[in-house]
C-alpha atoms as a PDB file:
ATOM      1  CA  MET A   1     -36.335 -63.504   4.942  1.00  0.00           C
ATOM      2  CA  VAL A   2     -32.872 -62.508   3.028  1.00  0.00           C
ATOM      3  CA  LYS A   3     -32.348 -63.814  -0.997  1.00  0.00           C
ATOM      4  CA  ARG A   4     -28.865 -65.065  -0.977  1.00  0.00           C
ATOM      5  CA  GLU A   5     -26.917 -64.718  -4.076  1.00  0.00           C
ATOM      6  CA  ILE A   6     -26.304 -68.237  -5.982  1.00  0.00           C
ATOM      7  CA  LYS A   7     -22.243 -68.732  -6.454  1.00  0.00           C
ATOM      8  CA  TRP A   8     -21.422 -71.762  -9.073  1.00  0.00           C
ATOM      9  CA  THR A   9     -17.833 -73.667  -8.597  1.00  0.00           C
ATOM     10  CA  THR A  10     -16.069 -74.825 -11.494  1.00  0.00           C
ATOM     11  CA  LYS A  11     -16.732 -78.294 -10.955  1.00  0.00           C
ATOM     12  CA  ALA A  12     -20.675 -77.965 -11.027  1.00  0.00           C
ATOM     13  CA  ILE A  13     -20.501 -76.126 -13.930  1.00  0.00           C
ATOM     14  CA  PHE A  14     -18.924 -78.737 -15.692  1.00  0.00           C
ATOM     15  CA  ASP A  15     -21.089 -81.480 -14.144  1.00  0.00           C
ATOM     16  CA  LYS A  16     -23.887 -79.635 -15.948  1.00  0.00           C
ATOM     17  CA  ILE A  17     -22.281 -78.653 -19.133  1.00  0.00           C
ATOM     18  CA  SER A  18     -21.868 -83.004 -18.877  1.00  0.00           C
ATOM     19  CA  ILE A  19     -25.407 -83.805 -18.321  1.00  0.00           C
ATOM     20  CA  LEU A  20     -26.965 -81.669 -20.569  1.00  0.00           C
ATOM     21  CA  GLU A  21     -24.402 -83.032 -23.688  1.00  0.00           C
ATOM     22  CA  TYR A  22     -25.069 -86.153 -22.709  1.00  0.00           C
ATOM     23  CA  TRP A  23     -28.838 -85.946 -23.015  1.00  0.00           C
ATOM     24  CA  ILE A  24     -28.310 -84.322 -26.391  1.00  0.00           C
ATOM     25  CA  TRP A  25     -26.426 -86.966 -27.321  1.00  0.00           C
ATOM     26  CA  ARG A  26     -28.577 -89.517 -25.944  1.00  0.00           C
ATOM     27  CA  THR A  27     -31.641 -88.356 -27.435  1.00  0.00           C
ATOM     28  CA  LYS A  28     -30.456 -86.342 -30.573  1.00  0.00           C
ATOM     29  CA  SER A  29     -32.569 -83.367 -29.253  1.00  0.00           C
ATOM     30  CA  LYS A  30     -32.118 -80.529 -27.227  1.00  0.00           C
ATOM     31  CA  LYS A  31     -35.369 -80.730 -25.914  1.00  0.00           C
ATOM     32  CA  TYR A  32     -35.243 -82.864 -23.123  1.00  0.00           C
ATOM     33  CA  SER A  33     -31.967 -80.823 -21.822  1.00  0.00           C
ATOM     34  CA  LEU A  34     -33.762 -77.434 -22.225  1.00  0.00           C
ATOM     35  CA  LYS A  35     -36.162 -79.124 -19.803  1.00  0.00           C
ATOM     36  CA  LEU A  36     -33.753 -80.639 -17.322  1.00  0.00           C
ATOM     37  CA  SER A  37     -31.891 -77.457 -17.476  1.00  0.00           C
ATOM     38  CA  GLY A  38     -34.701 -75.541 -16.267  1.00  0.00           C
ATOM     39  CA  MET A  39     -35.390 -77.868 -13.523  1.00  0.00           C
ATOM     40  CA  PHE A  40     -31.978 -77.455 -12.436  1.00  0.00           C
ATOM     41  CA  ASP A  41     -32.498 -73.665 -12.559  1.00  0.00           C
ATOM     42  CA  ASN A  42     -36.095 -73.523 -10.893  1.00  0.00           C
ATOM     43  CA  VAL A  43     -34.881 -75.727  -7.724  1.00  0.00           C
ATOM     44  CA  ILE A  44     -31.679 -73.162  -7.399  1.00  0.00           C
ATOM     45  CA  SER A  45     -33.641 -70.158  -7.488  1.00  0.00           C
ATOM     46  CA  GLN A  46     -35.645 -71.852  -5.049  1.00  0.00           C
ATOM     47  CA  LEU A  47     -32.846 -72.479  -2.547  1.00  0.00           C
ATOM     48  CA  ALA A  48     -31.987 -68.537  -2.947  1.00  0.00           C
ATOM     49  CA  LEU A  49     -35.644 -68.116  -1.089  1.00  0.00           C
ATOM     50  CA  ASN A  50     -35.231 -70.974   1.028  1.00  0.00           C
ATOM     51  CA  PRO A  51     -31.459 -72.201   1.528  1.00  0.00           C
ATOM     52  CA  GLU A  52     -32.322 -74.870   4.562  1.00  0.00           C
ATOM     53  CA  SER A  53     -35.040 -76.455   2.398  1.00  0.00           C
ATOM     54  CA  GLY A  54     -32.635 -79.271   1.091  1.00  0.00           C
ATOM     55  CA  LYS A  55     -31.570 -82.186   3.116  1.00  0.00           C
ATOM     56  CA  ILE A  56     -28.533 -82.681   5.282  1.00  0.00           C
ATOM     57  CA  THR A  57     -25.742 -84.931   4.229  1.00  0.00           C
ATOM     58  CA  ASP A  58     -22.908 -86.636   6.136  1.00  0.00           C
ATOM     59  CA  TYR A  59     -20.473 -83.844   4.814  1.00  0.00           C
ATOM     60  CA  LYS A  60     -20.122 -81.130   7.030  1.00  0.00           C
ATOM     61  CA  ASN A  61     -21.854 -77.864   6.137  1.00  0.00           C
ATOM     62  CA  ILE A  62     -23.579 -80.023   2.837  1.00  0.00           C
ATOM     63  CA  ARG A  63     -26.842 -80.377   1.667  1.00  0.00           C
ATOM     64  CA  PHE A  64     -28.494 -81.430  -1.441  1.00  0.00           C
ATOM     65  CA  ARG A  65     -31.826 -81.066  -3.509  1.00  0.00           C
ATOM     66  CA  ILE A  66     -33.333 -83.439  -5.724  1.00  0.00           C
ATOM     67  CA  VAL A  67     -33.940 -83.047  -9.451  1.00  0.00           C
ATOM     68  CA  LYS A  68     -35.256 -86.072 -11.286  1.00  0.00           C
ATOM     69  CA  GLN A  69     -32.127 -88.700 -10.209  1.00  0.00           C
ATOM     70  CA  TYR A  70     -29.561 -85.802 -10.206  1.00  0.00           C
ATOM     71  CA  LEU A  71     -28.727 -84.156  -6.835  1.00  0.00           C
ATOM     72  CA  ILE A  72     -27.603 -80.617  -6.478  1.00  0.00           C
ATOM     73  CA  PHE A  73     -25.316 -80.244  -3.588  1.00  0.00           C
ATOM     74  CA  TYR A  74     -24.553 -76.793  -2.156  1.00  0.00           C
ATOM     75  CA  THR A  75     -23.088 -74.924   1.051  1.00  0.00           C
ATOM     76  CA  ILE A  76     -25.290 -72.038   2.757  1.00  0.00           C
ATOM     77  CA  THR A  77     -23.134 -68.680   3.301  1.00  0.00           C
ATOM     78  CA  GLU A  78     -24.840 -65.556   5.371  1.00  0.00           C
ATOM     79  CA  LYS A  79     -25.009 -63.904   1.945  1.00  0.00           C
ATOM     80  CA  ASN A  80     -24.474 -66.788  -0.637  1.00  0.00           C
ATOM     81  CA  ILE A  81     -25.049 -70.285  -1.831  1.00  0.00           C
ATOM     82  CA  PHE A  82     -22.918 -72.069  -3.671  1.00  0.00           C
ATOM     83  CA  ILE A  83     -23.475 -74.969  -6.079  1.00  0.00           C
ATOM     84  CA  ILE A  84     -20.658 -77.556  -5.507  1.00  0.00           C
ATOM     85  CA  ARG A  85     -21.685 -80.392  -7.439  1.00  0.00           C
ATOM     86  CA  ILE A  86     -24.746 -81.902  -9.817  1.00  0.00           C
ATOM     87  CA  TRP A  87     -24.419 -85.618  -9.162  1.00  0.00           C
ATOM     88  CA  ASP A  88     -25.982 -88.563 -10.956  1.00  0.00           C
ATOM     89  CA  SER A  89     -27.574 -90.564  -8.146  1.00  0.00           C
ATOM     90  CA  ARG A  90     -27.301 -93.484  -9.859  1.00  0.00           C
ATOM     91  CA  ARG A  91     -23.308 -93.289 -10.162  1.00  0.00           C
ATOM     92  CA  ASN A  92     -21.129 -94.720  -7.393  1.00  0.00           C
ATOM     93  CA  PRO A  93     -21.059 -92.564  -4.196  1.00  0.00           C
ATOM     94  CA  GLU A  94     -17.360 -94.045  -3.363  1.00  0.00           C
ATOM     95  CA  ASN A  95     -16.481 -91.899  -6.712  1.00  0.00           C
ATOM     96  CA  LEU A  96     -18.307 -88.415  -5.629  1.00  0.00           C
ATOM     97  CA  ARG A  97     -15.867 -85.719  -4.403  1.00  0.00           C
ATOM     98  CA  PHE A  98     -16.542 -81.951  -3.282  1.00  0.00           C
END
């Protein structure tokens, strides 16, 4: 089993920051955002060892993992895993763009 390096797209970084900032604003505390960030990081680090553990999507070469109501979309290459989006599954899927 080869451990792949995790790489983030700019859009995925923006998604994560936006989600965490929303929860800081919503709860008036950093506590939940820190917990959620840890959950994201835990699942993503698991992907480095088990990249095919995510579910296959209808999009070519894109898989996802679920963290609470969020979908972490990623692609796999020989050496890397690219995190391409973190999407709130309560949003309209027709607005999802990669």
